[in-house]
């Protein structure tokens, strides 16, 4: 186990403050992008991308998942794959409408 010293505590506090500052910066980016006059798809893509990065930072550093064992990493990657698959469904539907796919009811 790691020895607890004032130097280790200062390093951990500094790391957490740096991550917190980065999260605040990414939140400001999300807010700014939402106020810009971009196309709806562009805004959604940028905001979701930034939110994904924020979620990864929170999970890794504040939930301490970066130091977990391989099984936890496997489950997280599998969850990410299914999540991205669900996000891809509306995109595939949109592309189907563009290229003239006929849906039979």
Protein backbone atom coordinates (compact mmCIF):
# COMPACT_ATOMS: atom_id res chain seq x y z
CA UNK A 1 0.00 0.00 0.00
CA UNK A 2 1.21 3.51 -0.74
CA UNK A 3 2.73 5.44 2.13
CA UNK A 4 0.68 8.46 3.16
CA UNK A 5 2.74 11.61 3.37
CA UNK A 6 2.09 15.30 2.97
CA UNK A 7 3.80 15.18 -0.44
CA UNK A 8 1.43 12.42 -1.68
CA UNK A 9 -1.59 14.32 -0.38
CA UNK A 10 -0.45 17.52 -2.13
CA UNK A 11 0.01 15.62 -5.40
CA UNK A 12 -3.45 14.06 -5.15
CA UNK A 13 -5.09 17.39 -4.30
CA UNK A 14 -3.28 19.06 -7.19
CA UNK A 15 -4.36 16.30 -9.60
CA UNK A 16 -7.99 16.55 -8.47
CA UNK A 17 -7.99 20.34 -8.77
CA UNK A 18 -6.52 20.06 -12.27
CA UNK A 19 -9.24 17.60 -13.30
CA UNK A 20 -11.88 19.85 -11.71
CA UNK A 21 -10.54 22.85 -13.66
CA UNK A 22 -10.61 20.82 -16.87
CA UNK A 23 -14.22 19.82 -16.17
CA UNK A 24 -15.15 23.47 -15.65
CA UNK A 25 -13.43 24.38 -18.93
CA UNK A 26 -15.28 21.61 -20.79
CA UNK A 27 -18.57 22.80 -19.26
CA UNK A 28 -17.81 26.31 -20.55
CA UNK A 29 -17.20 24.82 -24.01
CA UNK A 30 -20.56 23.04 -23.86
CA UNK A 31 -22.30 26.25 -22.85
CA UNK A 32 -20.58 28.26 -25.57
CA UNK A 33 -21.33 25.72 -28.28
CA UNK A 34 -25.00 25.65 -27.27
CA UNK A 35 -25.18 29.42 -27.78
CA UNK A 36 -23.48 29.38 -31.22
CA UNK A 37 -25.58 29.31 -34.35
CA UNK A 38 -24.45 25.93 -35.66
CA UNK A 39 -26.58 23.33 -37.34
CA UNK A 40 -28.48 21.15 -34.91
CA UNK A 41 -26.51 18.02 -35.77
CA UNK A 42 -23.19 19.78 -35.28
CA UNK A 43 -24.23 21.16 -31.91
CA UNK A 44 -25.47 17.78 -30.72
CA UNK A 45 -22.29 16.03 -31.88
CA UNK A 46 -19.96 18.54 -30.20
CA UNK A 47 -21.95 18.68 -26.96
CA UNK A 48 -22.19 14.87 -26.73
CA UNK A 49 -18.48 14.49 -27.48
CA UNK A 50 -17.51 16.95 -24.75
CA UNK A 51 -19.96 15.31 -22.32
CA UNK A 52 -18.42 11.92 -23.13
CA UNK A 53 -14.94 13.25 -22.27
CA UNK A 54 -16.32 14.72 -19.05
CA UNK A 55 -17.91 11.40 -18.13
CA UNK A 56 -14.65 9.55 -18.74
CA UNK A 57 -12.73 12.01 -16.58
CA UNK A 58 -15.26 11.73 -13.76
CA UNK A 59 -15.35 7.93 -13.92
CA UNK A 60 -11.58 7.57 -14.06
CA UNK A 61 -10.48 10.08 -11.45
CA UNK A 62 -13.35 10.91 -9.10
CA UNK A 63 -14.79 7.38 -9.04
CA UNK A 64 -11.24 5.92 -8.99
CA UNK A 65 -11.98 3.46 -11.82
CA UNK A 66 -8.58 4.10 -13.41
CA UNK A 67 -6.94 1.88 -10.79
CA UNK A 68 -9.44 -0.99 -10.93
CA UNK A 69 -8.76 -4.53 -12.08
CA UNK A 70 -9.09 -5.90 -15.61
CA UNK A 71 -12.62 -7.28 -15.15
CA UNK A 72 -13.96 -3.81 -14.34
CA UNK A 73 -12.23 -2.41 -17.45
CA UNK A 74 -13.75 -5.18 -19.58
CA UNK A 75 -17.25 -4.44 -18.27
CA UNK A 76 -16.79 -0.70 -18.83
CA UNK A 77 -15.55 -1.21 -22.41
CA UNK A 78 -18.44 -3.57 -23.15
CA UNK A 79 -20.89 -1.00 -21.78
CA UNK A 80 -19.25 1.68 -23.94
CA UNK A 81 -19.60 -0.49 -27.06
CA UNK A 82 -23.32 -1.03 -26.43
CA UNK A 83 -23.81 2.67 -25.65
CA UNK A 84 -22.12 3.72 -28.89
CA UNK A 85 -24.26 1.16 -30.74
CA UNK A 86 -27.39 2.75 -29.32
CA UNK A 87 -26.16 6.19 -30.35
CA UNK A 88 -25.54 4.85 -33.85
CA UNK A 89 -29.15 3.72 -34.35
CA UNK A 90 -30.60 7.21 -35.03
CA UNK A 91 -27.69 7.95 -37.38
CA UNK A 92 -28.41 4.81 -39.37
CA UNK A 93 -32.10 5.73 -39.51
CA UNK A 94 -31.19 9.22 -40.76
CA UNK A 95 -28.88 7.78 -43.44
CA UNK A 96 -31.61 5.38 -44.47
CA UNK A 97 -33.96 8.28 -45.05
CA UNK A 98 -31.34 10.11 -47.11
CA UNK A 99 -30.53 7.18 -49.37
CA UNK A 100 -34.16 6.28 -49.93
CA UNK A 101 -34.58 3.14 -47.87
CA UNK A 102 -38.24 2.13 -47.98
CA UNK A 103 -39.82 1.05 -44.72
CA UNK A 104 -42.79 -1.28 -45.10
CA UNK A 105 -45.42 -0.93 -42.41
